[in-house]
Amino acid sequence: MKSTKSRWLFFATLGLILTGMGLSLAIDAAIYRESGVPAYKWILYGSGALIVFNSGISVFGQAIIERIKLVTNKGS
């Protein structure tokens, strides 16, 4: 059970970090767009930001699965 709790904490923390970082990078890409940087640069930067953001959501989803496993094992 300790392993499940450790995995839950790891995935939750990593998911929140990636989600926040992806959002920050997306905002940064929007600032690049407004400052006149060539389109291919901010599009690539923004696409990378969306990849990081969506990865964070996926990892956080795994944390939810681990938490459900943890709660259902304690209830038995």
PDB file of N, CA and C in Angstrom:
ATOM      1  N   MET A   1       0.821  -1.191   0.000  1.00  0.00           N
ATOM      2  CA  MET A   1       0.000   0.000   0.000  1.00  0.00           C
ATOM      3  C   MET A   1       0.870   1.263   0.000  1.00  0.00           C
ATOM      4  N   LYS A   2       2.030   1.202   0.618  1.00  0.00           N
ATOM      5  CA  LYS A   2       2.922   2.356   0.629  1.00  0.00           C
ATOM      6  C   LYS A   2       3.360   2.702  -0.795  1.00  0.00           C
ATOM      7  N   SER A   3       3.527   1.691  -1.618  1.00  0.00           N
ATOM      8  CA  SER A   3       3.919   1.917  -2.995  1.00  0.00           C
ATOM      9  C   SER A   3       2.829   2.692  -3.746  1.00  0.00           C
ATOM     10  N   THR A   4       1.566   2.368  -3.497  1.00  0.00           N
ATOM     11  CA  THR A   4       0.473   3.079  -4.150  1.00  0.00           C
ATOM     12  C   THR A   4       0.437   4.533  -3.705  1.00  0.00           C
ATOM     13  N   LYS A   5       0.657   4.780  -2.422  1.00  0.00           N
ATOM     14  CA  LYS A   5       0.660   6.158  -1.931  1.00  0.00           C
ATOM     15  C   LYS A   5       1.818   6.938  -2.529  1.00  0.00           C
ATOM     16  N   SER A   6       2.968   6.319  -2.629  1.00  0.00           N
ATOM     17  CA  SER A   6       4.129   6.990  -3.222  1.00  0.00           C
ATOM     18  C   SER A   6       3.875   7.323  -4.685  1.00  0.00           C
ATOM     19  N   ARG A   7       3.275   6.384  -5.407  1.00  0.00           N
ATOM     20  CA  ARG A   7       2.977   6.634  -6.820  1.00  0.00           C
ATOM     21  C   ARG A   7       1.940   7.740  -6.966  1.00  0.00           C
ATOM     22  N   TRP A   8       0.949   7.742  -6.074  1.00  0.00           N
ATOM     23  CA  TRP A   8      -0.068   8.788  -6.121  1.00  0.00           C
ATOM     24  C   TRP A   8       0.571  10.162  -5.904  1.00  0.00           C
ATOM     25  N   LEU A   9       1.414  10.282  -4.890  1.00  0.00           N
ATOM     26  CA  LEU A   9       2.072  11.558  -4.615  1.00  0.00           C
ATOM     27  C   LEU A   9       2.978  11.986  -5.768  1.00  0.00           C
ATOM     28  N   PHE A  10       3.700  11.040  -6.338  1.00  0.00           N
ATOM     29  CA  PHE A  10       4.595  11.354  -7.457  1.00  0.00           C
ATOM     30  C   PHE A  10       3.803  11.847  -8.663  1.00  0.00           C
ATOM     31  N   PHE A  11       2.762  11.088  -9.053  1.00  0.00           N
ATOM     32  CA  PHE A  11       1.982  11.473 -10.227  1.00  0.00           C
ATOM     33  C   PHE A  11       1.230  12.783 -10.020  1.00  0.00           C
ATOM     34  N   ALA A  12       0.686  13.002  -8.819  1.00  0.00           N
ATOM     35  CA  ALA A  12      -0.039  14.239  -8.559  1.00  0.00           C
ATOM     36  C   ALA A  12       0.890  15.447  -8.650  1.00  0.00           C
ATOM     37  N   THR A  13       2.052  15.330  -8.026  1.00  0.00           N
ATOM     38  CA  THR A  13       3.013  16.435  -8.048  1.00  0.00           C
ATOM     39  C   THR A  13       3.505  16.711  -9.462  1.00  0.00           C
ATOM     40  N   LEU A  14       3.902  15.657 -10.163  1.00  0.00           N
ATOM     41  CA  LEU A  14       4.402  15.831 -11.532  1.00  0.00           C
ATOM     42  C   LEU A  14       3.312  16.383 -12.449  1.00  0.00           C
ATOM     43  N   GLY A  15       2.097  15.901 -12.296  1.00  0.00           N
ATOM     44  CA  GLY A  15       1.000  16.379 -13.126  1.00  0.00           C
ATOM     45  C   GLY A  15       0.725  17.859 -12.925  1.00  0.00           C
ATOM     46  N   LEU A  16       0.730  18.300 -11.674  1.00  0.00           N
ATOM     47  CA  LEU A  16       0.495  19.717 -11.405  1.00  0.00           C
ATOM     48  C   LEU A  16       1.638  20.587 -11.920  1.00  0.00           C
ATOM     49  N   ILE A  17       2.863  20.104 -11.784  1.00  0.00           N
ATOM     50  CA  ILE A  17       4.012  20.866 -12.290  1.00  0.00           C
ATOM     51  C   ILE A  17       3.941  21.001 -13.803  1.00  0.00           C
ATOM     52  N   LEU A  18       3.661  19.893 -14.497  1.00  0.00           N
ATOM     53  CA  LEU A  18       3.599  19.937 -15.962  1.00  0.00           C
ATOM     54  C   LEU A  18       2.444  20.801 -16.453  1.00  0.00           C
ATOM     55  N   THR A  19       1.301  20.711 -15.784  1.00  0.00           N
ATOM     56  CA  THR A  19       0.158  21.525 -16.192  1.00  0.00           C
ATOM     57  C   THR A  19       0.463  23.006 -16.034  1.00  0.00           C
ATOM     58  N   GLY A  20       1.025  23.384 -14.899  1.00  0.00           N
ATOM     59  CA  GLY A  20       1.381  24.786 -14.689  1.00  0.00           C
ATOM     60  C   GLY A  20       2.446  25.271 -15.652  1.00  0.00           C
ATOM     61  N   MET A  21       3.436  24.425 -15.901  1.00  0.00           N
ATOM     62  CA  MET A  21       4.500  24.812 -16.820  1.00  0.00           C
ATOM     63  C   MET A  21       3.955  24.967 -18.247  1.00  0.00           C
ATOM     64  N   GLY A  22       3.088  24.047 -18.659  1.00  0.00           N
ATOM     65  CA  GLY A  22       2.500  24.138 -19.994  1.00  0.00           C
ATOM     66  C   GLY A  22       1.674  25.392 -20.172  1.00  0.00           C
ATOM     67  N   LEU A  23       0.912  25.741 -19.136  1.00  0.00           N
ATOM     68  CA  LEU A  23       0.116  26.961 -19.205  1.00  0.00           C
ATOM     69  C   LEU A  23       1.015  28.200 -19.286  1.00  0.00           C
ATOM     70  N   SER A  24       2.069  28.207 -18.515  1.00  0.00           N
ATOM     71  CA  SER A  24       3.009  29.331 -18.559  1.00  0.00           C
ATOM     72  C   SER A  24       3.680  29.450 -19.923  1.00  0.00           C
ATOM     73  N   LEU A  25       4.055  28.318 -20.491  1.00  0.00           N
ATOM     74  CA  LEU A  25       4.676  28.344 -21.819  1.00  0.00           C
ATOM     75  C   LEU A  25       3.692  28.807 -22.888  1.00  0.00           C
ATOM     76  N   ALA A  26       2.426  28.416 -22.766  1.00  0.00           N
ATOM     77  CA  ALA A  26       1.416  28.852 -23.734  1.00  0.00           C
ATOM     78  C   ALA A  26       1.213  30.369 -23.661  1.00  0.00           C
ATOM     79  N   ILE A  27       1.201  30.899 -22.458  1.00  0.00           N
ATOM     80  CA  ILE A  27       1.086  32.356 -22.301  1.00  0.00           C
ATOM     81  C   ILE A  27       2.307  33.044 -22.891  1.00  0.00           C
ATOM     82  N   ASP A  28       3.477  32.450 -22.690  1.00  0.00           N
ATOM     83  CA  ASP A  28       4.709  32.997 -23.254  1.00  0.00           C
ATOM     84  C   ASP A  28       4.653  32.990 -24.783  1.00  0.00           C
ATOM     85  N   ALA A  29       4.103  31.917 -25.367  1.00  0.00           N
ATOM     86  CA  ALA A  29       3.967  31.849 -26.824  1.00  0.00           C
ATOM     87  C   ALA A  29       3.032  32.950 -27.329  1.00  0.00           C
ATOM     88  N   ALA A  30       1.976  33.236 -26.566  1.00  0.00           N
ATOM     89  CA  ALA A  30       1.065  34.314 -26.960  1.00  0.00           C
ATOM     90  C   ALA A  30       1.766  35.667 -26.912  1.00  0.00           C
ATOM     91  N   ILE A  31       2.638  35.846 -25.931  1.00  0.00           N
ATOM     92  CA  ILE A  31       3.399  37.097 -25.853  1.00  0.00           C
ATOM     93  C   ILE A  31       4.349  37.208 -27.039  1.00  0.00           C
ATOM     94  N   TYR A  32       4.971  36.092 -27.425  1.00  0.00           N
ATOM     95  CA  TYR A  32       5.837  36.106 -28.609  1.00  0.00           C
ATOM     96  C   TYR A  32       5.038  36.506 -29.842  1.00  0.00           C
ATOM     97  N   ARG A  33       3.828  35.966 -29.947  1.00  0.00           N
ATOM     98  CA  ARG A  33       2.987  36.273 -31.109  1.00  0.00           C
ATOM     99  C   ARG A  33       2.703  37.766 -31.183  1.00  0.00           C
ATOM    100  N   GLU A  34       2.371  38.355 -30.053  1.00  0.00           N
ATOM    101  CA  GLU A  34       2.045  39.776 -30.027  1.00  0.00           C
ATOM    102  C   GLU A  34       3.259  40.666 -30.247  1.00  0.00           C
ATOM    103  N   SER A  35       4.454  40.148 -29.965  1.00  0.00           N
ATOM    104  CA  SER A  35       5.646  40.987 -30.111  1.00  0.00           C
ATOM    105  C   SER A  35       6.249  40.926 -31.508  1.00  0.00           C
ATOM    106  N   GLY A  36       5.616  40.202 -32.407  1.00  0.00           N
ATOM    107  CA  GLY A  36       6.056  40.212 -33.792  1.00  0.00           C
ATOM    108  C   GLY A  36       7.089  39.158 -34.160  1.00  0.00           C
ATOM    109  N   VAL A  37       7.251  38.141 -33.340  1.00  0.00           N
ATOM    110  CA  VAL A  37       8.164  37.041 -33.667  1.00  0.00           C
ATOM    111  C   VAL A  37       7.590  36.302 -34.877  1.00  0.00           C
ATOM    112  N   PRO A  38       8.438  35.804 -35.792  1.00  0.00           N
ATOM    113  CA  PRO A  38       7.919  35.083 -36.957  1.00  0.00           C
ATOM    114  C   PRO A  38       6.966  33.945 -36.554  1.00  0.00           C
ATOM    115  N   ALA A  39       5.976  33.731 -37.398  1.00  0.00           N
ATOM    116  CA  ALA A  39       4.884  32.805 -37.072  1.00  0.00           C
ATOM    117  C   ALA A  39       5.378  31.397 -36.759  1.00  0.00           C
ATOM    118  N   TYR A  40       6.322  30.881 -37.525  1.00  0.00           N
ATOM    119  CA  TYR A  40       6.752  29.499 -37.303  1.00  0.00           C
ATOM    120  C   TYR A  40       7.355  29.306 -35.912  1.00  0.00           C
ATOM    121  N   LYS A  41       7.977  30.360 -35.373  1.00  0.00           N
ATOM    122  CA  LYS A  41       8.592  30.238 -34.046  1.00  0.00           C
ATOM    123  C   LYS A  41       7.545  30.152 -32.946  1.00  0.00           C
ATOM    124  N   TRP A  42       6.563  31.052 -32.941  1.00  0.00           N
ATOM    125  CA  TRP A  42       5.587  31.002 -31.860  1.00  0.00           C
ATOM    126  C   TRP A  42       4.612  29.852 -32.027  1.00  0.00           C
ATOM    127  N   ILE A  43       4.393  29.399 -33.268  1.00  0.00           N
ATOM    128  CA  ILE A  43       3.527  28.229 -33.477  1.00  0.00           C
ATOM    129  C   ILE A  43       4.199  26.977 -32.928  1.00  0.00           C
ATOM    130  N   LEU A  44       5.481  26.800 -33.216  1.00  0.00           N
ATOM    131  CA  LEU A  44       6.205  25.646 -32.673  1.00  0.00           C
ATOM    132  C   LEU A  44       6.290  25.716 -31.157  1.00  0.00           C
ATOM    133  N   TYR A  45       6.564  26.894 -30.643  1.00  0.00           N
ATOM    134  CA  TYR A  45       6.659  27.091 -29.186  1.00  0.00           C
ATOM    135  C   TYR A  45       5.309  26.817 -28.526  1.00  0.00           C
ATOM    136  N   GLY A  46       4.251  27.317 -29.120  1.00  0.00           N
ATOM    137  CA  GLY A  46       2.917  27.095 -28.583  1.00  0.00           C
ATOM    138  C   GLY A  46       2.489  25.644 -28.663  1.00  0.00           C
ATOM    139  N   SER A  47       2.868  24.972 -29.745  1.00  0.00           N
ATOM    140  CA  SER A  47       2.548  23.542 -29.869  1.00  0.00           C
ATOM    141  C   SER A  47       3.263  22.734 -28.797  1.00  0.00           C
ATOM    142  N   GLY A  48       4.518  23.064 -28.550  1.00  0.00           N
ATOM    143  CA  GLY A  48       5.250  22.399 -27.472  1.00  0.00           C
ATOM    144  C   GLY A  48       4.610  22.667 -26.119  1.00  0.00           C
ATOM    145  N   ALA A  49       4.130  23.890 -25.934  1.00  0.00           N
ATOM    146  CA  ALA A  49       3.462  24.244 -24.683  1.00  0.00           C
ATOM    147  C   ALA A  49       2.194  23.418 -24.489  1.00  0.00           C
ATOM    148  N   LEU A  50       1.439  23.218 -25.549  1.00  0.00           N
ATOM    149  CA  LEU A  50       0.220  22.408 -25.455  1.00  0.00           C
ATOM    150  C   LEU A  50       0.538  20.945 -25.180  1.00  0.00           C
ATOM    151  N   ILE A  51       1.642  20.464 -25.715  1.00  0.00           N
ATOM    152  CA  ILE A  51       2.063  19.086 -25.437  1.00  0.00           C
ATOM    153  C   ILE A  51       2.385  18.934 -23.952  1.00  0.00           C
ATOM    154  N   VAL A  52       3.113  19.887 -23.400  1.00  0.00           N
ATOM    155  CA  VAL A  52       3.458  19.836 -21.971  1.00  0.00           C
ATOM    156  C   VAL A  52       2.194  19.935 -21.116  1.00  0.00           C
ATOM    157  N   PHE A  53       1.279  20.843 -21.473  1.00  0.00           N
ATOM    158  CA  PHE A  53       0.041  21.017 -20.721  1.00  0.00           C
ATOM    159  C   PHE A  53      -0.801  19.740 -20.724  1.00  0.00           C
ATOM    160  N   ASN A  54      -0.987  19.165 -21.899  1.00  0.00           N
ATOM    161  CA  ASN A  54      -1.791  17.940 -21.996  1.00  0.00           C
ATOM    162  C   ASN A  54      -1.110  16.754 -21.323  1.00  0.00           C
ATOM    163  N   SER A  55       0.202  16.720 -21.336  1.00  0.00           N
ATOM    164  CA  SER A  55       0.926  15.672 -20.604  1.00  0.00           C
ATOM    165  C   SER A  55       0.661  15.799 -19.112  1.00  0.00           C
ATOM    166  N   GLY A  56       0.630  17.013 -18.623  1.00  0.00           N
ATOM    167  CA  GLY A  56       0.331  17.241 -17.212  1.00  0.00           C
ATOM    168  C   GLY A  56      -1.056  16.759 -16.834  1.00  0.00           C
ATOM    169  N   ILE A  57      -2.026  17.008 -17.704  1.00  0.00           N
ATOM    170  CA  ILE A  57      -3.382  16.529 -17.446  1.00  0.00           C
ATOM    171  C   ILE A  57      -3.418  15.006 -17.428  1.00  0.00           C
ATOM    172  N   SER A  58      -2.707  14.378 -18.344  1.00  0.00           N
ATOM    173  CA  SER A  58      -2.670  12.913 -18.396  1.00  0.00           C
ATOM    174  C   SER A  58      -2.016  12.325 -17.146  1.00  0.00           C
ATOM    175  N   VAL A  59      -0.910  12.902 -16.734  1.00  0.00           N
ATOM    176  CA  VAL A  59      -0.215  12.405 -15.542  1.00  0.00           C
ATOM    177  C   VAL A  59      -1.084  12.610 -14.308  1.00  0.00           C
ATOM    178  N   PHE A  60      -1.775  13.747 -14.228  1.00  0.00           N
ATOM    179  CA  PHE A  60      -2.661  13.980 -13.093  1.00  0.00           C
ATOM    180  C   PHE A  60      -3.836  13.002 -13.099  1.00  0.00           C
ATOM    181  N   GLY A  61      -4.293  12.628 -14.290  1.00  0.00           N
ATOM    182  CA  GLY A  61      -5.328  11.597 -14.389  1.00  0.00           C
ATOM    183  C   GLY A  61      -4.849  10.275 -13.821  1.00  0.00           C
ATOM    184  N   GLN A  62      -3.598   9.934 -14.058  1.00  0.00           N
ATOM    185  CA  GLN A  62      -3.030   8.720 -13.469  1.00  0.00           C
ATOM    186  C   GLN A  62      -2.966   8.832 -11.951  1.00  0.00           C
ATOM    187  N   ALA A  63      -2.713  10.032 -11.453  1.00  0.00           N
ATOM    188  CA  ALA A  63      -2.707  10.244 -10.005  1.00  0.00           C
ATOM    189  C   ALA A  63      -4.090   9.983  -9.413  1.00  0.00           C
ATOM    190  N   ILE A  64      -5.119  10.374 -10.134  1.00  0.00           N
ATOM    191  CA  ILE A  64      -6.485  10.110  -9.669  1.00  0.00           C
ATOM    192  C   ILE A  64      -6.743   8.609  -9.599  1.00  0.00           C
ATOM    193  N   ILE A  65      -6.271   7.880 -10.600  1.00  0.00           N
ATOM    194  CA  ILE A  65      -6.418   6.418 -10.601  1.00  0.00           C
ATOM    195  C   ILE A  65      -5.699   5.809  -9.401  1.00  0.00           C
ATOM    196  N   GLU A  66      -4.491   6.275  -9.130  1.00  0.00           N
ATOM    197  CA  GLU A  66      -3.733   5.763  -7.984  1.00  0.00           C
ATOM    198  C   GLU A  66      -4.434   6.098  -6.671  1.00  0.00           C
ATOM    199  N   ARG A  67      -5.030   7.269  -6.584  1.00  0.00           N
ATOM    200  CA  ARG A  67      -5.746   7.659  -5.364  1.00  0.00           C
ATOM    201  C   ARG A  67      -6.968   6.766  -5.152  1.00  0.00           C
ATOM    202  N   ILE A  68      -7.669   6.462  -6.215  1.00  0.00           N
ATOM    203  CA  ILE A  68      -8.839   5.576  -6.113  1.00  0.00           C
ATOM    204  C   ILE A  68      -8.399   4.195  -5.644  1.00  0.00           C
ATOM    205  N   LYS A  69      -7.293   3.711  -6.173  1.00  0.00           N
ATOM    206  CA  LYS A  69      -6.751   2.417  -5.717  1.00  0.00           C
ATOM    207  C   LYS A  69      -6.430   2.474  -4.227  1.00  0.00           C
ATOM    208  N   LEU A  70      -5.835   3.565  -3.794  1.00  0.00           N
ATOM    209  CA  LEU A  70      -5.453   3.732  -2.400  1.00  0.00           C
ATOM    210  C   LEU A  70      -6.687   3.746  -1.486  1.00  0.00           C
ATOM    211  N   VAL A  71      -7.705   4.469  -1.876  1.00  0.00           N
ATOM    212  CA  VAL A  71      -8.907   4.595  -1.053  1.00  0.00           C
ATOM    213  C   VAL A  71      -9.675   3.282  -1.016  1.00  0.00           C
ATOM    214  N   THR A  72      -9.787   2.583  -2.146  1.00  0.00           N
ATOM    215  CA  THR A  72     -10.555   1.331  -2.170  1.00  0.00           C
ATOM    216  C   THR A  72      -9.835   0.228  -1.408  1.00  0.00           C
ATOM    217  N   ASN A  73      -8.502   0.243  -1.371  1.00  0.00           N
ATOM    218  CA  ASN A  73      -7.761  -0.761  -0.599  1.00  0.00           C
ATOM    219  C   ASN A  73      -7.910  -0.521   0.895  1.00  0.00           C
ATOM    220  N   LYS A  74      -7.988   0.745   1.321  1.00  0.00           N
ATOM    221  CA  LYS A  74      -8.163   1.042   2.744  1.00  0.00           C
ATOM    222  C   LYS A  74      -9.567   0.682   3.208  1.00  0.00           C
ATOM    223  N   GLY A  75     -10.540   0.827   2.301  1.00  0.00           N
ATOM    224  CA  GLY A  75     -11.912   0.550   2.687  1.00  0.00           C
ATOM    225  C   GLY A  75     -12.222  -0.920   2.835  1.00  0.00           C
ATOM    226  N   SER A  76     -11.370  -1.796   2.318  1.00  0.00           N
ATOM    227  CA  SER A  76     -11.634  -3.235   2.376  1.00  0.00           C
ATOM    228  C   SER A  76     -11.300  -3.816   3.725  1.00  0.00           C
TER     229      SER A  76
END
